[in-house]
Amino acid sequence: MEIRKNETQLVCIAKFIAKEGEVDQLIKNLHSLIPITMQEGGCIRYELNQCIDEPNRITFIEKWYDQVTFDAHCNKPYIVEFFNDGKPHHVKEFEVTLHKELLP
């Protein structure tokens, strides 16, 4: 079987660890980003998940049409506002990694 990379679409995995007592507010803030983000051109998937074993770990799995649409998303006022204002209050640690989907 040949493995190919999807060279145009971009997958973003954004992991957040909530500060003690802040997980519910973090989830609320992140949920508020979903409807507006899903309306962005180029957004294919924008899914929020919570770790079963460690509920303070919250992860977005995102898929974007390409790097350009992802970059545009990162510069939207509501995303900038979250990272500048919301994240410092509710997030202890975070990591964002970018991936390419592997296709059979």
N, C-alpha and C. Protein backbone atom coordinates (compact mmCIF):
# COMPACT_ATOMS: atom_id res chain seq x y z
N MET A 1 0.85 -1.18 0.00
CA MET A 1 0.00 0.00 0.00
C MET A 1 0.89 1.24 0.00
N GLU A 2 0.59 2.15 -0.88
CA GLU A 2 1.33 3.41 -0.96
C GLU A 2 0.71 4.42 0.00
N ILE A 3 1.56 5.08 0.78
CA ILE A 3 1.11 6.13 1.69
C ILE A 3 1.41 7.48 1.04
N ARG A 4 0.40 8.31 0.97
CA ARG A 4 0.56 9.66 0.40
C ARG A 4 0.21 10.69 1.45
N LYS A 5 0.81 11.86 1.35
CA LYS A 5 0.45 12.98 2.22
C LYS A 5 -0.53 13.86 1.47
N ASN A 6 -1.53 14.35 2.20
CA ASN A 6 -2.41 15.35 1.63
C ASN A 6 -1.65 16.66 1.71
N GLU A 7 -1.14 17.14 0.60
CA GLU A 7 -0.23 18.28 0.60
C GLU A 7 -0.92 19.63 0.64
N THR A 8 -2.24 19.66 0.48
CA THR A 8 -2.89 20.97 0.51
C THR A 8 -3.59 21.22 1.84
N GLN A 9 -4.36 20.26 2.32
CA GLN A 9 -5.09 20.46 3.57
C GLN A 9 -4.13 20.44 4.75
N LEU A 10 -4.50 21.18 5.77
CA LEU A 10 -3.68 21.30 6.96
C LEU A 10 -4.50 20.87 8.17
N VAL A 11 -3.92 20.06 9.03
CA VAL A 11 -4.56 19.62 10.27
C VAL A 11 -3.84 20.31 11.42
N CYS A 12 -4.62 20.94 12.29
CA CYS A 12 -4.08 21.61 13.47
C CYS A 12 -4.60 20.88 14.71
N ILE A 13 -3.68 20.58 15.62
CA ILE A 13 -4.07 20.01 16.90
C ILE A 13 -3.63 21.02 17.96
N ALA A 14 -4.63 21.60 18.62
CA ALA A 14 -4.39 22.62 19.65
C ALA A 14 -4.76 22.03 21.00
N LYS A 15 -3.76 21.83 21.86
CA LYS A 15 -3.96 21.21 23.17
C LYS A 15 -3.86 22.27 24.26
N PHE A 16 -4.83 22.26 25.15
CA PHE A 16 -4.87 23.20 26.27
C PHE A 16 -4.98 22.43 27.57
N ILE A 17 -4.25 22.87 28.59
CA ILE A 17 -4.43 22.36 29.94
C ILE A 17 -4.98 23.52 30.76
N ALA A 18 -6.19 23.33 31.28
CA ALA A 18 -6.85 24.39 32.04
C ALA A 18 -6.20 24.57 33.40
N LYS A 19 -6.19 25.80 33.86
CA LYS A 19 -5.77 26.08 35.23
C LYS A 19 -6.77 25.45 36.18
N GLU A 20 -6.33 25.21 37.40
CA GLU A 20 -7.19 24.63 38.42
C GLU A 20 -8.48 25.45 38.56
N GLY A 21 -9.63 24.79 38.48
CA GLY A 21 -10.92 25.45 38.63
C GLY A 21 -11.39 26.23 37.41
N GLU A 22 -10.66 26.17 36.30
CA GLU A 22 -11.00 26.98 35.11
C GLU A 22 -11.47 26.16 33.92
N VAL A 23 -11.57 24.84 34.06
CA VAL A 23 -11.89 24.01 32.90
C VAL A 23 -13.26 24.34 32.32
N ASP A 24 -14.27 24.55 33.16
CA ASP A 24 -15.60 24.85 32.63
C ASP A 24 -15.62 26.16 31.86
N GLN A 25 -14.94 27.18 32.37
CA GLN A 25 -14.90 28.45 31.67
C GLN A 25 -14.10 28.35 30.38
N LEU A 26 -13.02 27.58 30.41
CA LEU A 26 -12.23 27.38 29.19
C LEU A 26 -13.08 26.71 28.12
N ILE A 27 -13.80 25.65 28.51
CA ILE A 27 -14.67 24.96 27.54
C ILE A 27 -15.72 25.92 27.00
N LYS A 28 -16.32 26.70 27.86
CA LYS A 28 -17.33 27.67 27.42
C LYS A 28 -16.73 28.64 26.40
N ASN A 29 -15.55 29.16 26.71
CA ASN A 29 -14.89 30.11 25.79
C ASN A 29 -14.56 29.45 24.45
N LEU A 30 -14.05 28.22 24.50
CA LEU A 30 -13.69 27.53 23.26
C LEU A 30 -14.94 27.14 22.46
N HIS A 31 -15.99 26.72 23.15
CA HIS A 31 -17.25 26.42 22.45
C HIS A 31 -17.77 27.64 21.70
N SER A 32 -17.58 28.82 22.26
CA SER A 32 -18.08 30.03 21.61
C SER A 32 -17.37 30.30 20.28
N LEU A 33 -16.19 29.73 20.08
CA LEU A 33 -15.44 29.92 18.84
C LEU A 33 -15.94 29.01 17.71
N ILE A 34 -16.62 27.94 18.06
CA ILE A 34 -16.97 26.93 17.05
C ILE A 34 -17.93 27.46 15.98
N PRO A 35 -19.08 28.03 16.32
CA PRO A 35 -20.01 28.42 15.25
C PRO A 35 -19.43 29.46 14.29
N ILE A 36 -18.73 30.43 14.83
CA ILE A 36 -18.19 31.48 13.96
C ILE A 36 -17.04 30.94 13.11
N THR A 37 -16.24 30.04 13.68
CA THR A 37 -15.13 29.46 12.92
C THR A 37 -15.64 28.55 11.81
N MET A 38 -16.71 27.80 12.09
CA MET A 38 -17.26 26.90 11.07
C MET A 38 -17.79 27.66 9.86
N GLN A 39 -18.05 28.94 10.02
CA GLN A 39 -18.51 29.77 8.91
C GLN A 39 -17.36 30.31 8.06
N GLU A 40 -16.15 30.16 8.54
CA GLU A 40 -15.00 30.67 7.79
C GLU A 40 -14.78 29.82 6.53
N GLY A 41 -14.46 30.50 5.44
CA GLY A 41 -14.08 29.77 4.24
C GLY A 41 -12.81 28.98 4.52
N GLY A 42 -12.81 27.74 4.13
CA GLY A 42 -11.62 26.91 4.32
C GLY A 42 -11.65 26.04 5.55
N CYS A 43 -12.61 26.23 6.45
CA CYS A 43 -12.72 25.39 7.65
C CYS A 43 -13.45 24.11 7.28
N ILE A 44 -12.78 22.98 7.43
CA ILE A 44 -13.36 21.68 7.12
C ILE A 44 -13.82 20.99 8.39
N ARG A 45 -13.05 21.12 9.45
CA ARG A 45 -13.35 20.44 10.73
C ARG A 45 -12.87 21.35 11.86
N TYR A 46 -13.68 21.45 12.91
CA TYR A 46 -13.32 22.26 14.09
C TYR A 46 -13.99 21.60 15.28
N GLU A 47 -13.30 20.66 15.88
CA GLU A 47 -13.89 19.75 16.86
C GLU A 47 -13.20 19.90 18.21
N LEU A 48 -13.99 20.11 19.26
CA LEU A 48 -13.48 20.26 20.62
C LEU A 48 -13.64 18.96 21.37
N ASN A 49 -12.58 18.53 22.07
CA ASN A 49 -12.56 17.27 22.80
C ASN A 49 -12.01 17.46 24.20
N GLN A 50 -12.46 16.61 25.12
CA GLN A 50 -11.97 16.63 26.50
C GLN A 50 -11.40 15.25 26.83
N CYS A 51 -10.23 15.23 27.42
CA CYS A 51 -9.59 13.97 27.81
C CYS A 51 -10.42 13.28 28.90
N ILE A 52 -10.66 12.00 28.73
CA ILE A 52 -11.45 11.23 29.70
C ILE A 52 -10.70 11.09 31.01
N ASP A 53 -9.42 10.76 30.95
CA ASP A 53 -8.64 10.50 32.16
C ASP A 53 -8.16 11.78 32.86
N GLU A 54 -8.01 12.84 32.11
CA GLU A 54 -7.56 14.12 32.66
C GLU A 54 -8.47 15.22 32.10
N PRO A 55 -9.61 15.48 32.74
CA PRO A 55 -10.62 16.39 32.19
C PRO A 55 -10.16 17.83 32.03
N ASN A 56 -9.03 18.20 32.62
CA ASN A 56 -8.51 19.56 32.42
C ASN A 56 -7.76 19.69 31.10
N ARG A 57 -7.61 18.59 30.36
CA ARG A 57 -6.96 18.61 29.04
C ARG A 57 -8.05 18.73 27.96
N ILE A 58 -8.00 19.82 27.23
CA ILE A 58 -8.98 20.11 26.18
C ILE A 58 -8.22 20.23 24.86
N THR A 59 -8.75 19.61 23.82
CA THR A 59 -8.05 19.59 22.53
C THR A 59 -8.99 19.94 21.39
N PHE A 60 -8.54 20.87 20.55
CA PHE A 60 -9.21 21.14 19.28
C PHE A 60 -8.52 20.30 18.21
N ILE A 61 -9.31 19.62 17.40
CA ILE A 61 -8.82 18.98 16.18
C ILE A 61 -9.43 19.79 15.04
N GLU A 62 -8.57 20.37 14.23
CA GLU A 62 -9.02 21.26 13.17
C GLU A 62 -8.49 20.76 11.82
N LYS A 63 -9.27 20.98 10.79
CA LYS A 63 -8.78 20.72 9.43
C LYS A 63 -9.14 21.92 8.57
N TRP A 64 -8.14 22.37 7.83
CA TRP A 64 -8.28 23.56 7.00
C TRP A 64 -7.93 23.23 5.55
N TYR A 65 -8.57 23.95 4.65
CA TYR A 65 -8.37 23.73 3.22
C TYR A 65 -6.90 23.84 2.83
N ASP A 66 -6.20 24.82 3.42
CA ASP A 66 -4.77 25.00 3.14
C ASP A 66 -4.16 25.92 4.19
N GLN A 67 -2.87 26.15 4.08
CA GLN A 67 -2.15 27.01 5.03
C GLN A 67 -2.69 28.43 5.02
N VAL A 68 -3.06 28.93 3.85
CA VAL A 68 -3.56 30.30 3.73
C VAL A 68 -4.84 30.48 4.55
N THR A 69 -5.78 29.54 4.44
CA THR A 69 -7.03 29.68 5.20
C THR A 69 -6.80 29.49 6.70
N PHE A 70 -5.85 28.64 7.06
CA PHE A 70 -5.51 28.49 8.48
C PHE A 70 -4.90 29.78 9.03
N ASP A 71 -3.97 30.36 8.28
CA ASP A 71 -3.34 31.62 8.71
C ASP A 71 -4.38 32.72 8.85
N ALA A 72 -5.33 32.78 7.93
CA ALA A 72 -6.40 33.78 8.01
C ALA A 72 -7.21 33.56 9.29
N HIS A 73 -7.50 32.31 9.61
CA HIS A 73 -8.23 31.98 10.84
C HIS A 73 -7.47 32.49 12.07
N CYS A 74 -6.18 32.23 12.10
CA CYS A 74 -5.36 32.63 13.26
C CYS A 74 -5.35 34.14 13.47
N ASN A 75 -5.64 34.90 12.43
CA ASN A 75 -5.64 36.36 12.53
C ASN A 75 -7.03 36.95 12.70
N LYS A 76 -8.06 36.11 12.81
CA LYS A 76 -9.41 36.62 13.05
C LYS A 76 -9.46 37.27 14.43
N PRO A 77 -10.20 38.36 14.57
CA PRO A 77 -10.25 39.07 15.86
C PRO A 77 -10.64 38.20 17.04
N TYR A 78 -11.58 37.27 16.87
CA TYR A 78 -12.02 36.43 17.98
C TYR A 78 -10.95 35.42 18.39
N ILE A 79 -10.11 34.99 17.48
CA ILE A 79 -9.01 34.08 17.82
C ILE A 79 -7.90 34.86 18.53
N VAL A 80 -7.56 36.00 17.97
CA VAL A 80 -6.54 36.86 18.60
C VAL A 80 -6.99 37.24 20.01
N GLU A 81 -8.26 37.60 20.16
CA GLU A 81 -8.79 37.98 21.47
C GLU A 81 -8.69 36.82 22.46
N PHE A 82 -9.03 35.60 22.02
CA PHE A 82 -8.92 34.45 22.92
C PHE A 82 -7.48 34.28 23.40
N PHE A 83 -6.53 34.31 22.48
CA PHE A 83 -5.13 34.08 22.87
C PHE A 83 -4.56 35.23 23.69
N ASN A 84 -5.02 36.44 23.45
CA ASN A 84 -4.52 37.59 24.21
C ASN A 84 -5.21 37.77 25.55
N ASP A 85 -6.52 37.48 25.62
CA ASP A 85 -7.29 37.79 26.82
C ASP A 85 -7.79 36.54 27.55
N GLY A 86 -8.39 35.60 26.86
CA GLY A 86 -8.98 34.43 27.51
C GLY A 86 -7.96 33.41 27.95
N LYS A 87 -7.01 33.12 27.10
CA LYS A 87 -6.03 32.08 27.41
C LYS A 87 -5.26 32.37 28.69
N PRO A 88 -4.75 33.58 28.91
CA PRO A 88 -3.98 33.81 30.14
C PRO A 88 -4.77 33.56 31.43
N HIS A 89 -6.08 33.75 31.39
CA HIS A 89 -6.90 33.57 32.58
C HIS A 89 -7.24 32.11 32.86
N HIS A 90 -7.36 31.30 31.81
CA HIS A 90 -7.91 29.96 31.97
C HIS A 90 -6.95 28.83 31.62
N VAL A 91 -5.84 29.14 30.95
CA VAL A 91 -4.96 28.09 30.43
C VAL A 91 -3.62 28.08 31.16
N LYS A 92 -3.28 26.91 31.67
CA LYS A 92 -1.99 26.72 32.34
C LYS A 92 -0.88 26.47 31.32
N GLU A 93 -1.16 25.60 30.35
CA GLU A 93 -0.21 25.25 29.29
C GLU A 93 -0.97 25.04 27.99
N PHE A 94 -0.28 25.26 26.87
CA PHE A 94 -0.89 24.93 25.59
C PHE A 94 0.18 24.60 24.57
N GLU A 95 -0.24 23.85 23.55
CA GLU A 95 0.65 23.46 22.47
C GLU A 95 -0.18 23.39 21.19
N VAL A 96 0.33 23.94 20.13
CA VAL A 96 -0.32 23.88 18.83
C VAL A 96 0.66 23.25 17.85
N THR A 97 0.22 22.16 17.20
CA THR A 97 1.06 21.52 16.20
C THR A 97 0.29 21.41 14.89
N LEU A 98 1.01 21.48 13.78
CA LEU A 98 0.41 21.39 12.46
C LEU A 98 0.83 20.09 11.80
N HIS A 99 -0.12 19.49 11.07
CA HIS A 99 0.09 18.17 10.50
C HIS A 99 -0.44 18.12 9.07
N LYS A 100 0.01 17.09 8.34
CA LYS A 100 -0.52 16.72 7.04
C LYS A 100 -1.17 15.36 7.18
N GLU A 101 -2.37 15.21 6.65
CA GLU A 101 -3.06 13.93 6.71
C GLU A 101 -2.34 12.92 5.80
N LEU A 102 -2.20 11.69 6.28
CA LEU A 102 -1.62 10.61 5.48
C LEU A 102 -2.75 9.81 4.85
N LEU A 103 -2.70 9.68 3.56
CA LEU A 103 -3.76 8.99 2.81
C LEU A 103 -3.23 7.67 2.28
N PRO A 104 -4.09 6.66 2.23
CA PRO A 104 -3.65 5.36 1.67
C PRO A 104 -3.47 5.47 0.17
